[in-house]
């Protein structure tokens, strides 16, 4: 709540409190002076919205990366995912970025994901690294291989590790599967499932 770089509400609340205070003491000032003092809460409110728009925090940058990856998966666009994956990517199933992208291109070549809704459960951001634990509700396309051979709606829990780059952007360096439909799982345990 207090980080006014991530949201404008702290400074907007401050502006409202100042406005109420000025309204209480307005009889002590001339009309002209009072109108000038009203500019203070207006400027504070504008500052709150301006800082929120101009300054992007690490948390906001990470959320943007995650939203972009999910949107690209829904659009079957592996090319939009690739720039968000670090060259030193490695997880328990894919030994490098090239293997991961080969898998993405293979799976996303056909209609796969209709909708993916994410909910962040936990985030630990300690630059230059961050760990995000989230749930993803994936609705597979009715024509997809997964929907036809397994099931159409899957709830997965993932741990995503990111690393801050010298250019101040964040890239994904690892994604690990933790659960599927509230059951413990990992990438190796779903090898037989046609993802």
N, C-alpha and C. Protein backbone atom coordinates (compact mmCIF):
# COMPACT_ATOMS: atom_id res chain seq x y z
N UNK A 1 0.82 -1.20 0.00
CA UNK A 1 0.00 0.00 0.00
C UNK A 1 0.85 1.25 0.00
N UNK A 2 2.02 1.22 0.64
CA UNK A 2 2.80 2.44 0.81
C UNK A 2 3.72 2.75 -0.34
N UNK A 3 3.93 1.81 -1.26
CA UNK A 3 4.82 2.07 -2.38
C UNK A 3 4.06 2.85 -3.46
N UNK A 4 4.25 4.18 -3.47
CA UNK A 4 3.49 4.99 -4.40
C UNK A 4 4.01 4.93 -5.82
N UNK A 5 5.08 4.15 -6.06
CA UNK A 5 5.52 3.92 -7.43
C UNK A 5 4.71 2.82 -8.09
N UNK A 6 4.08 1.95 -7.29
CA UNK A 6 3.30 0.84 -7.83
C UNK A 6 1.82 1.16 -7.95
N UNK A 7 1.35 2.14 -7.17
CA UNK A 7 -0.07 2.49 -7.20
C UNK A 7 -0.22 3.93 -6.73
N UNK A 8 -1.27 4.62 -7.18
CA UNK A 8 -1.44 6.03 -6.83
C UNK A 8 -2.22 6.26 -5.53
N UNK A 9 -2.74 5.21 -4.91
CA UNK A 9 -3.71 5.38 -3.83
C UNK A 9 -3.11 6.01 -2.58
N UNK A 10 -1.85 5.79 -2.28
CA UNK A 10 -1.24 6.39 -1.10
C UNK A 10 -1.22 7.91 -1.22
N UNK A 11 -0.75 8.41 -2.34
CA UNK A 11 -0.71 9.86 -2.52
C UNK A 11 -2.11 10.43 -2.71
N UNK A 12 -3.01 9.68 -3.31
CA UNK A 12 -4.39 10.16 -3.46
C UNK A 12 -5.05 10.28 -2.08
N UNK A 13 -4.82 9.32 -1.21
CA UNK A 13 -5.34 9.39 0.15
C UNK A 13 -4.76 10.59 0.89
N UNK A 14 -3.46 10.81 0.72
CA UNK A 14 -2.81 11.97 1.33
C UNK A 14 -3.44 13.26 0.83
N UNK A 15 -3.71 13.33 -0.46
CA UNK A 15 -4.33 14.53 -1.04
C UNK A 15 -5.72 14.77 -0.45
N UNK A 16 -6.49 13.71 -0.25
CA UNK A 16 -7.83 13.85 0.32
C UNK A 16 -7.75 14.33 1.77
N UNK A 17 -6.81 13.80 2.54
CA UNK A 17 -6.64 14.23 3.93
C UNK A 17 -6.25 15.71 3.98
N UNK A 18 -5.35 16.13 3.11
CA UNK A 18 -4.96 17.54 3.07
C UNK A 18 -6.14 18.41 2.66
N UNK A 19 -6.92 17.95 1.69
CA UNK A 19 -8.10 18.70 1.25
C UNK A 19 -9.09 18.87 2.41
N UNK A 20 -9.34 17.80 3.16
CA UNK A 20 -10.25 17.88 4.31
C UNK A 20 -9.72 18.85 5.36
N UNK A 21 -8.42 18.80 5.60
CA UNK A 21 -7.81 19.72 6.56
C UNK A 21 -7.97 21.16 6.09
N UNK A 22 -7.73 21.40 4.81
CA UNK A 22 -7.88 22.76 4.27
C UNK A 22 -9.32 23.24 4.36
N UNK A 23 -10.27 22.36 4.14
CA UNK A 23 -11.67 22.74 4.25
C UNK A 23 -12.04 23.10 5.70
N UNK A 24 -11.39 22.43 6.66
CA UNK A 24 -11.64 22.75 8.06
C UNK A 24 -11.10 24.12 8.45
N UNK A 25 -9.98 24.52 7.88
CA UNK A 25 -9.34 25.78 8.28
C UNK A 25 -9.53 26.89 7.25
N UNK A 26 -10.43 26.74 6.33
CA UNK A 26 -10.58 27.73 5.25
C UNK A 26 -10.99 29.10 5.75
N UNK A 27 -11.67 29.20 6.87
CA UNK A 27 -12.11 30.51 7.38
C UNK A 27 -10.94 31.38 7.82
N UNK A 28 -9.79 30.78 7.99
CA UNK A 28 -8.60 31.53 8.43
C UNK A 28 -7.90 32.24 7.28
N UNK A 29 -8.32 31.97 6.04
CA UNK A 29 -7.63 32.52 4.88
C UNK A 29 -8.60 33.28 3.99
N UNK A 30 -8.02 34.16 3.20
CA UNK A 30 -8.85 34.86 2.22
C UNK A 30 -9.23 33.87 1.12
N UNK A 31 -10.26 34.25 0.36
CA UNK A 31 -10.75 33.36 -0.71
C UNK A 31 -9.65 33.07 -1.73
N UNK A 32 -8.85 34.09 -2.07
CA UNK A 32 -7.77 33.93 -3.05
C UNK A 32 -6.70 32.97 -2.53
N UNK A 33 -6.29 33.16 -1.27
CA UNK A 33 -5.27 32.28 -0.68
C UNK A 33 -5.78 30.83 -0.56
N UNK A 34 -7.06 30.70 -0.19
CA UNK A 34 -7.64 29.37 -0.05
C UNK A 34 -7.66 28.64 -1.39
N UNK A 35 -8.02 29.34 -2.46
CA UNK A 35 -8.04 28.71 -3.79
C UNK A 35 -6.63 28.28 -4.21
N UNK A 36 -5.63 29.07 -3.87
CA UNK A 36 -4.25 28.67 -4.18
C UNK A 36 -3.84 27.44 -3.38
N UNK A 37 -4.27 27.38 -2.13
CA UNK A 37 -3.91 26.22 -1.30
C UNK A 37 -4.59 24.94 -1.78
N UNK A 38 -5.72 25.10 -2.45
CA UNK A 38 -6.40 23.91 -2.99
C UNK A 38 -5.58 23.24 -4.09
N UNK A 39 -4.64 23.97 -4.65
CA UNK A 39 -3.76 23.38 -5.66
C UNK A 39 -2.86 22.29 -5.07
N UNK A 40 -2.55 22.39 -3.78
CA UNK A 40 -1.65 21.42 -3.14
C UNK A 40 -2.23 20.00 -3.22
N UNK A 41 -3.45 19.73 -2.76
CA UNK A 41 -3.96 18.35 -2.88
C UNK A 41 -4.13 17.91 -4.33
N UNK A 42 -4.49 18.85 -5.22
CA UNK A 42 -4.63 18.48 -6.63
C UNK A 42 -3.28 18.06 -7.19
N UNK A 43 -2.22 18.80 -6.88
CA UNK A 43 -0.88 18.45 -7.37
C UNK A 43 -0.39 17.13 -6.77
N UNK A 44 -0.70 16.88 -5.51
CA UNK A 44 -0.30 15.61 -4.89
C UNK A 44 -1.01 14.44 -5.57
N UNK A 45 -2.30 14.61 -5.85
CA UNK A 45 -3.05 13.54 -6.54
C UNK A 45 -2.49 13.30 -7.93
N UNK A 46 -2.19 14.37 -8.65
CA UNK A 46 -1.60 14.23 -9.99
C UNK A 46 -0.22 13.57 -9.92
N UNK A 47 0.55 13.92 -8.90
CA UNK A 47 1.86 13.30 -8.71
C UNK A 47 1.73 11.79 -8.50
N UNK A 48 0.72 11.39 -7.71
CA UNK A 48 0.49 9.96 -7.48
C UNK A 48 0.22 9.21 -8.76
N UNK A 49 -0.67 9.73 -9.59
CA UNK A 49 -0.99 9.07 -10.86
C UNK A 49 0.19 9.14 -11.83
N UNK A 50 0.91 10.26 -11.82
CA UNK A 50 2.08 10.41 -12.70
C UNK A 50 3.19 9.44 -12.37
N UNK A 51 3.52 9.31 -11.07
CA UNK A 51 4.57 8.36 -10.67
C UNK A 51 4.19 6.93 -11.00
N UNK A 52 2.91 6.60 -10.82
CA UNK A 52 2.44 5.25 -11.13
C UNK A 52 2.64 4.93 -12.61
N UNK A 53 2.42 5.91 -13.47
CA UNK A 53 2.56 5.70 -14.91
C UNK A 53 4.01 5.73 -15.39
N UNK A 54 4.81 6.60 -14.81
CA UNK A 54 6.17 6.81 -15.31
C UNK A 54 7.16 5.80 -14.77
N UNK A 55 7.11 5.52 -13.47
CA UNK A 55 8.10 4.66 -12.84
C UNK A 55 7.56 3.23 -12.78
N UNK A 56 8.27 2.30 -13.42
CA UNK A 56 7.89 0.89 -13.40
C UNK A 56 8.80 0.16 -12.41
N UNK A 57 8.20 -0.42 -11.38
CA UNK A 57 8.96 -1.14 -10.36
C UNK A 57 9.30 -2.55 -10.86
N UNK A 58 10.19 -3.22 -10.13
CA UNK A 58 10.54 -4.60 -10.48
C UNK A 58 9.30 -5.49 -10.46
N UNK A 59 8.44 -5.30 -9.47
CA UNK A 59 7.22 -6.09 -9.37
C UNK A 59 6.35 -5.90 -10.61
N UNK A 60 6.18 -4.67 -11.06
CA UNK A 60 5.38 -4.40 -12.25
C UNK A 60 6.03 -4.98 -13.51
N UNK A 61 7.35 -4.90 -13.60
CA UNK A 61 8.05 -5.46 -14.77
C UNK A 61 7.89 -6.98 -14.82
N UNK A 62 7.98 -7.63 -13.66
CA UNK A 62 7.83 -9.09 -13.59
C UNK A 62 6.42 -9.50 -13.97
N UNK A 63 5.42 -8.80 -13.46
CA UNK A 63 4.03 -9.10 -13.80
C UNK A 63 3.78 -8.91 -15.30
N UNK A 64 4.43 -7.91 -15.89
CA UNK A 64 4.29 -7.70 -17.33
C UNK A 64 4.88 -8.87 -18.11
N UNK A 65 6.03 -9.39 -17.67
CA UNK A 65 6.64 -10.55 -18.32
C UNK A 65 5.69 -11.74 -18.25
N UNK A 66 5.12 -11.99 -17.08
CA UNK A 66 4.22 -13.14 -16.92
C UNK A 66 2.96 -12.98 -17.76
N UNK A 67 2.38 -11.78 -17.78
CA UNK A 67 1.18 -11.55 -18.61
C UNK A 67 1.50 -11.73 -20.09
N UNK A 68 2.66 -11.27 -20.51
CA UNK A 68 3.04 -11.38 -21.92
C UNK A 68 3.22 -12.85 -22.32
N UNK A 69 3.84 -13.63 -21.45
CA UNK A 69 4.03 -15.06 -21.75
C UNK A 69 2.68 -15.77 -21.84
N UNK A 70 1.79 -15.48 -20.90
CA UNK A 70 0.47 -16.13 -20.93
C UNK A 70 -0.32 -15.72 -22.17
N UNK A 71 -0.27 -14.44 -22.52
CA UNK A 71 -0.98 -13.97 -23.72
C UNK A 71 -0.40 -14.61 -24.97
N UNK A 72 0.93 -14.74 -25.04
CA UNK A 72 1.57 -15.36 -26.20
C UNK A 72 1.19 -16.84 -26.30
N UNK A 73 1.09 -17.52 -25.16
CA UNK A 73 0.68 -18.94 -25.18
C UNK A 73 -0.75 -19.07 -25.69
N UNK A 74 -1.64 -18.18 -25.26
CA UNK A 74 -3.02 -18.21 -25.74
C UNK A 74 -3.10 -17.96 -27.24
N UNK A 75 -2.20 -17.12 -27.74
CA UNK A 75 -2.20 -16.78 -29.17
C UNK A 75 -1.36 -17.75 -30.01
N UNK A 76 -0.82 -18.80 -29.36
CA UNK A 76 0.06 -19.76 -30.03
C UNK A 76 1.23 -19.06 -30.71
N UNK A 77 1.86 -18.13 -30.01
CA UNK A 77 2.93 -17.32 -30.57
C UNK A 77 4.23 -17.57 -29.80
N UNK A 78 4.96 -18.59 -30.20
CA UNK A 78 6.23 -18.91 -29.55
C UNK A 78 7.27 -17.82 -29.75
N UNK A 79 7.19 -17.10 -30.85
CA UNK A 79 8.14 -16.02 -31.12
C UNK A 79 8.02 -14.89 -30.11
N UNK A 80 6.84 -14.69 -29.54
CA UNK A 80 6.67 -13.66 -28.51
C UNK A 80 7.19 -14.13 -27.15
N UNK A 81 7.26 -15.43 -26.95
CA UNK A 81 7.76 -15.99 -25.69
C UNK A 81 9.28 -15.96 -25.66
N UNK A 82 9.92 -16.26 -26.78
CA UNK A 82 11.37 -16.42 -26.82
C UNK A 82 12.17 -15.25 -26.24
N UNK A 83 11.85 -13.98 -26.52
CA UNK A 83 12.66 -12.90 -25.95
C UNK A 83 12.52 -12.76 -24.43
N UNK A 84 11.54 -13.42 -23.83
CA UNK A 84 11.34 -13.32 -22.39
C UNK A 84 12.02 -14.46 -21.63
N UNK A 85 12.66 -15.36 -22.37
CA UNK A 85 13.37 -16.49 -21.78
C UNK A 85 14.87 -16.19 -21.84
N UNK A 86 15.54 -16.37 -20.72
CA UNK A 86 16.97 -16.10 -20.64
C UNK A 86 17.76 -17.14 -21.44
N UNK A 87 18.91 -16.72 -21.96
CA UNK A 87 19.79 -17.65 -22.68
C UNK A 87 20.31 -18.74 -21.77
N UNK A 88 20.36 -18.49 -20.46
CA UNK A 88 20.85 -19.52 -19.52
C UNK A 88 19.69 -20.27 -18.85
N UNK A 89 18.55 -20.36 -19.55
CA UNK A 89 17.39 -21.08 -19.04
C UNK A 89 17.73 -22.56 -18.85
N UNK A 90 17.22 -23.13 -17.75
CA UNK A 90 17.40 -24.56 -17.49
C UNK A 90 16.39 -24.97 -16.42
N UNK A 91 15.68 -26.06 -16.66
CA UNK A 91 14.79 -26.61 -15.64
C UNK A 91 14.99 -28.11 -15.58
N UNK A 92 14.14 -28.81 -14.82
CA UNK A 92 14.34 -30.25 -14.62
C UNK A 92 14.02 -31.08 -15.85
N UNK A 93 13.42 -30.50 -16.88
CA UNK A 93 13.10 -31.24 -18.09
C UNK A 93 13.88 -30.73 -19.31
N UNK A 94 14.02 -29.43 -19.42
CA UNK A 94 14.69 -28.83 -20.58
C UNK A 94 16.07 -28.32 -20.16
N UNK A 95 17.09 -28.81 -20.85
CA UNK A 95 18.45 -28.49 -20.44
C UNK A 95 18.90 -27.10 -20.91
N UNK A 96 18.14 -26.50 -21.82
CA UNK A 96 18.51 -25.16 -22.28
C UNK A 96 17.32 -24.48 -22.95
N UNK A 97 17.53 -23.23 -23.29
CA UNK A 97 16.48 -22.43 -23.91
C UNK A 97 16.06 -23.01 -25.27
N UNK A 98 17.03 -23.52 -26.02
CA UNK A 98 16.71 -24.05 -27.35
C UNK A 98 15.74 -25.23 -27.26
N UNK A 99 15.95 -26.12 -26.30
CA UNK A 99 15.04 -27.27 -26.14
C UNK A 99 13.64 -26.81 -25.72
N UNK A 100 13.60 -25.85 -24.81
CA UNK A 100 12.31 -25.32 -24.39
C UNK A 100 11.58 -24.68 -25.56
N UNK A 101 12.28 -23.89 -26.35
CA UNK A 101 11.63 -23.21 -27.47
C UNK A 101 11.22 -24.20 -28.56
N UNK A 102 11.97 -25.26 -28.74
CA UNK A 102 11.57 -26.30 -29.69
C UNK A 102 10.24 -26.92 -29.24
N UNK A 103 10.14 -27.22 -27.94
CA UNK A 103 8.89 -27.75 -27.39
C UNK A 103 7.75 -26.74 -27.60
N UNK A 104 7.99 -25.47 -27.27
CA UNK A 104 6.94 -24.44 -27.43
C UNK A 104 6.49 -24.33 -28.88
N UNK A 105 7.44 -24.30 -29.79
CA UNK A 105 7.08 -24.18 -31.21
C UNK A 105 6.29 -25.39 -31.69
N UNK A 106 6.66 -26.57 -31.21
CA UNK A 106 5.95 -27.80 -31.60
C UNK A 106 4.52 -27.78 -31.08
N UNK A 107 4.36 -27.48 -29.79
CA UNK A 107 3.03 -27.50 -29.18
C UNK A 107 2.16 -26.34 -29.64
N UNK A 108 2.75 -25.17 -29.85
CA UNK A 108 1.96 -24.00 -30.21
C UNK A 108 1.74 -23.88 -31.71
N UNK A 109 2.20 -24.85 -32.47
CA UNK A 109 1.97 -24.84 -33.92
C UNK A 109 0.51 -25.15 -34.24
N UNK A 110 -0.16 -25.81 -33.32
CA UNK A 110 -1.57 -26.13 -33.50
C UNK A 110 -2.36 -25.44 -32.39
N UNK A 111 -3.67 -25.30 -32.53
CA UNK A 111 -4.45 -24.69 -31.44
C UNK A 111 -4.25 -25.50 -30.16
N UNK A 112 -3.80 -24.83 -29.10
CA UNK A 112 -3.51 -25.52 -27.87
C UNK A 112 -4.28 -24.93 -26.69
N UNK A 113 -3.99 -23.68 -26.37
CA UNK A 113 -4.56 -23.06 -25.19
C UNK A 113 -5.62 -22.04 -25.60
N UNK A 114 -6.80 -22.21 -25.04
CA UNK A 114 -7.87 -21.25 -25.29
C UNK A 114 -7.78 -20.08 -24.33
N UNK A 115 -7.48 -20.39 -23.05
CA UNK A 115 -7.40 -19.35 -22.04
C UNK A 115 -6.50 -19.81 -20.91
N UNK A 116 -5.72 -18.87 -20.37
CA UNK A 116 -4.88 -19.14 -19.21
C UNK A 116 -5.06 -18.00 -18.22
N UNK A 117 -5.50 -18.33 -17.01
CA UNK A 117 -5.74 -17.33 -15.98
C UNK A 117 -4.76 -17.60 -14.84
N UNK A 118 -3.96 -16.59 -14.51
CA UNK A 118 -2.94 -16.77 -13.47
C UNK A 118 -3.33 -16.03 -12.21
N UNK A 119 -2.91 -16.60 -11.09
CA UNK A 119 -3.05 -15.97 -9.79
C UNK A 119 -1.73 -16.15 -9.06
N UNK A 120 -1.10 -15.05 -8.70
CA UNK A 120 0.17 -15.12 -7.98
C UNK A 120 -0.11 -15.44 -6.52
N UNK A 121 0.55 -16.49 -6.03
CA UNK A 121 0.39 -16.92 -4.64
C UNK A 121 1.46 -16.27 -3.77
N UNK A 122 2.68 -16.28 -4.27
CA UNK A 122 3.80 -15.76 -3.49
C UNK A 122 4.83 -15.18 -4.44
N UNK A 123 5.43 -14.07 -4.05
CA UNK A 123 6.51 -13.51 -4.84
C UNK A 123 7.61 -13.02 -3.92
N UNK A 124 8.83 -13.44 -4.24
CA UNK A 124 10.01 -12.99 -3.50
C UNK A 124 10.93 -12.32 -4.51
N UNK A 125 11.02 -11.02 -4.42
CA UNK A 125 11.84 -10.25 -5.34
C UNK A 125 13.01 -9.68 -4.57
N UNK A 126 14.18 -10.23 -4.83
CA UNK A 126 15.42 -9.72 -4.24
C UNK A 126 16.42 -9.58 -5.37
N UNK A 127 16.38 -8.42 -6.04
CA UNK A 127 17.24 -8.24 -7.22
C UNK A 127 18.67 -8.67 -6.94
N UNK A 128 19.26 -9.41 -7.84
CA UNK A 128 18.91 -9.60 -9.25
C UNK A 128 18.07 -10.84 -9.55
N UNK A 129 17.46 -11.46 -8.53
CA UNK A 129 16.62 -12.63 -8.79
C UNK A 129 15.23 -12.44 -8.20
N UNK A 130 14.31 -13.24 -8.70
CA UNK A 130 12.95 -13.23 -8.18
C UNK A 130 12.37 -14.63 -8.34
N UNK A 131 11.55 -15.02 -7.39
CA UNK A 131 10.84 -16.29 -7.46
C UNK A 131 9.36 -16.01 -7.29
N UNK A 132 8.59 -16.48 -8.25
CA UNK A 132 7.14 -16.29 -8.24
C UNK A 132 6.49 -17.67 -8.21
N UNK A 133 5.58 -17.87 -7.28
CA UNK A 133 4.78 -19.09 -7.23
C UNK A 133 3.36 -18.67 -7.62
N UNK A 134 2.83 -19.33 -8.63
CA UNK A 134 1.50 -18.96 -9.11
C UNK A 134 0.71 -20.17 -9.52
N UNK A 135 -0.60 -19.97 -9.59
CA UNK A 135 -1.47 -21.00 -10.14
C UNK A 135 -1.93 -20.53 -11.50
N UNK A 136 -2.10 -21.48 -12.38
CA UNK A 136 -2.58 -21.20 -13.73
C UNK A 136 -3.75 -22.13 -14.01
N UNK A 137 -4.87 -21.54 -14.34
CA UNK A 137 -6.03 -22.32 -14.78
C UNK A 137 -5.99 -22.29 -16.30
N UNK A 138 -5.70 -23.44 -16.88
CA UNK A 138 -5.55 -23.54 -18.33
C UNK A 138 -6.78 -24.22 -18.92
N UNK A 139 -7.41 -23.52 -19.85
CA UNK A 139 -8.50 -24.11 -20.61
C UNK A 139 -7.93 -24.41 -21.99
N UNK A 140 -7.81 -25.70 -22.29
CA UNK A 140 -7.26 -26.11 -23.57
C UNK A 140 -8.30 -26.00 -24.67
N UNK A 141 -7.85 -25.71 -25.86
CA UNK A 141 -8.72 -25.66 -27.03
C UNK A 141 -9.37 -27.03 -27.21
N UNK A 142 -10.65 -27.05 -27.55
CA UNK A 142 -11.37 -28.32 -27.72
C UNK A 142 -10.72 -29.24 -28.73
N UNK A 143 -10.08 -28.67 -29.74
CA UNK A 143 -9.44 -29.46 -30.79
C UNK A 143 -8.01 -29.88 -30.42
N UNK A 144 -7.49 -29.40 -29.29
CA UNK A 144 -6.11 -29.72 -28.94
C UNK A 144 -5.96 -31.17 -28.53
N UNK A 145 -4.77 -31.67 -28.71
CA UNK A 145 -4.46 -33.04 -28.37
C UNK A 145 -4.67 -33.30 -26.87
N UNK A 146 -4.31 -32.32 -26.05
CA UNK A 146 -4.44 -32.47 -24.60
C UNK A 146 -5.92 -32.59 -24.21
N UNK A 147 -6.76 -31.73 -24.75
CA UNK A 147 -8.19 -31.77 -24.40
C UNK A 147 -8.85 -33.06 -24.87
N UNK A 148 -8.41 -33.58 -26.00
CA UNK A 148 -9.03 -34.79 -26.53
C UNK A 148 -8.53 -36.06 -25.85
N UNK A 149 -7.29 -36.06 -25.36
CA UNK A 149 -6.76 -37.29 -24.76
C UNK A 149 -6.65 -37.25 -23.24
N UNK A 150 -6.66 -36.06 -22.65
CA UNK A 150 -6.51 -35.97 -21.20
C UNK A 150 -7.73 -35.28 -20.60
N UNK A 151 -7.72 -33.97 -20.52
CA UNK A 151 -8.88 -33.21 -20.07
C UNK A 151 -8.76 -31.77 -20.54
N UNK A 152 -9.86 -31.08 -20.55
CA UNK A 152 -9.90 -29.74 -21.15
C UNK A 152 -9.42 -28.65 -20.20
N UNK A 153 -9.76 -28.75 -18.91
CA UNK A 153 -9.38 -27.71 -17.94
C UNK A 153 -8.43 -28.30 -16.92
N UNK A 154 -7.29 -27.64 -16.76
CA UNK A 154 -6.26 -28.11 -15.83
C UNK A 154 -5.85 -26.93 -14.95
N UNK A 155 -5.67 -27.22 -13.66
CA UNK A 155 -5.16 -26.23 -12.73
C UNK A 155 -3.74 -26.65 -12.37
N UNK A 156 -2.79 -25.78 -12.64
CA UNK A 156 -1.39 -26.09 -12.36
C UNK A 156 -0.80 -25.04 -11.42
N UNK A 157 0.13 -25.49 -10.60
CA UNK A 157 0.87 -24.59 -9.73
C UNK A 157 2.33 -24.63 -10.19
N UNK A 158 2.91 -23.45 -10.42
CA UNK A 158 4.25 -23.34 -10.97
C UNK A 158 5.13 -22.45 -10.10
N UNK A 159 6.42 -22.72 -10.13
CA UNK A 159 7.42 -21.81 -9.56
C UNK A 159 8.25 -21.27 -10.72
N UNK A 160 8.27 -19.97 -10.85
CA UNK A 160 9.01 -19.32 -11.94
C UNK A 160 10.12 -18.48 -11.33
N UNK A 161 11.35 -18.75 -11.77
CA UNK A 161 12.50 -17.97 -11.34
C UNK A 161 12.88 -17.01 -12.45
N UNK A 162 13.12 -15.77 -12.08
CA UNK A 162 13.50 -14.74 -13.04
C UNK A 162 14.82 -14.10 -12.61
N UNK A 163 15.48 -13.50 -13.57
CA UNK A 163 16.74 -12.82 -13.29
C UNK A 163 16.73 -11.45 -13.95
N UNK A 164 17.18 -10.45 -13.19
CA UNK A 164 17.24 -9.09 -13.71
C UNK A 164 18.48 -8.97 -14.59
N UNK A 165 18.28 -8.41 -15.76
CA UNK A 165 19.35 -8.28 -16.75
C UNK A 165 20.04 -6.92 -16.61
N UNK A 166 21.23 -6.77 -17.18
CA UNK A 166 21.92 -5.47 -17.11
C UNK A 166 21.07 -4.32 -17.68
N UNK A 167 20.19 -4.61 -18.62
CA UNK A 167 19.32 -3.57 -19.21
C UNK A 167 18.11 -3.29 -18.31
N UNK A 168 18.10 -3.85 -17.09
CA UNK A 168 17.04 -3.63 -16.09
C UNK A 168 15.74 -4.37 -16.39
N UNK A 169 15.70 -5.19 -17.43
CA UNK A 169 14.51 -6.00 -17.69
C UNK A 169 14.67 -7.34 -17.00
N UNK A 170 13.58 -8.08 -16.87
CA UNK A 170 13.57 -9.38 -16.21
C UNK A 170 13.32 -10.47 -17.24
N UNK A 171 14.08 -11.59 -17.12
CA UNK A 171 13.89 -12.73 -18.00
C UNK A 171 13.69 -14.00 -17.17
N UNK A 172 12.94 -14.93 -17.71
CA UNK A 172 12.67 -16.20 -17.03
C UNK A 172 13.88 -17.11 -17.18
N UNK A 173 14.38 -17.65 -16.06
CA UNK A 173 15.53 -18.55 -16.10
C UNK A 173 15.16 -19.99 -15.73
N UNK A 174 13.95 -20.18 -15.15
CA UNK A 174 13.55 -21.52 -14.76
C UNK A 174 12.04 -21.53 -14.49
N UNK A 175 11.39 -22.60 -14.93
CA UNK A 175 9.98 -22.83 -14.60
C UNK A 175 9.87 -24.27 -14.14
N UNK A 176 9.35 -24.45 -12.94
CA UNK A 176 9.17 -25.80 -12.41
C UNK A 176 7.69 -26.02 -12.07
N UNK A 177 7.20 -27.18 -12.45
CA UNK A 177 5.83 -27.58 -12.15
C UNK A 177 5.80 -28.11 -10.71
N UNK A 178 4.84 -27.62 -9.90
CA UNK A 178 4.71 -28.06 -8.52
C UNK A 178 3.48 -28.95 -8.29
N UNK A 179 2.38 -28.60 -8.96
CA UNK A 179 1.13 -29.36 -8.78
C UNK A 179 0.32 -29.34 -10.07
N UNK A 180 -0.49 -30.38 -10.23
CA UNK A 180 -1.52 -30.41 -11.27
C UNK A 180 -2.80 -30.85 -10.58
N UNK A 181 -3.84 -30.04 -10.71
CA UNK A 181 -5.13 -30.32 -10.09
C UNK A 181 -4.98 -30.68 -8.61
N UNK A 182 -4.19 -29.88 -7.90
CA UNK A 182 -3.94 -29.99 -6.46
C UNK A 182 -3.18 -31.25 -6.05
N UNK A 183 -2.61 -31.95 -7.01
CA UNK A 183 -1.78 -33.12 -6.72
C UNK A 183 -0.32 -32.78 -7.00
N UNK A 184 0.61 -33.17 -6.11
CA UNK A 184 2.02 -32.87 -6.36
C UNK A 184 2.46 -33.44 -7.71
N UNK A 185 3.25 -32.67 -8.43
CA UNK A 185 3.71 -33.09 -9.75
C UNK A 185 5.00 -32.37 -10.08
N UNK A 186 5.70 -32.90 -11.08
CA UNK A 186 6.86 -32.21 -11.64
C UNK A 186 6.89 -32.54 -13.12
N UNK A 187 7.82 -31.90 -13.85
CA UNK A 187 7.86 -32.11 -15.30
C UNK A 187 8.04 -33.58 -15.66
N UNK A 188 8.89 -34.27 -14.94
CA UNK A 188 9.14 -35.68 -15.27
C UNK A 188 7.93 -36.57 -15.01
N UNK A 189 7.11 -36.22 -14.03
CA UNK A 189 5.94 -37.05 -13.72
C UNK A 189 4.84 -36.93 -14.76
N UNK A 190 4.90 -35.89 -15.61
CA UNK A 190 3.87 -35.75 -16.64
C UNK A 190 4.39 -36.08 -18.03
N UNK A 191 5.53 -36.71 -18.12
CA UNK A 191 6.09 -37.10 -19.42
C UNK A 191 5.10 -37.93 -20.22
N UNK A 192 4.34 -38.80 -19.55
CA UNK A 192 3.40 -39.64 -20.27
C UNK A 192 2.14 -38.89 -20.67
N UNK A 193 1.88 -37.73 -20.05
CA UNK A 193 0.73 -36.91 -20.43
C UNK A 193 1.11 -36.09 -21.67
N UNK A 194 0.28 -36.05 -22.68
CA UNK A 194 0.64 -35.42 -23.95
C UNK A 194 0.57 -33.89 -23.91
N UNK A 195 1.49 -33.26 -23.27
CA UNK A 195 1.51 -31.79 -23.20
C UNK A 195 2.07 -31.27 -24.47
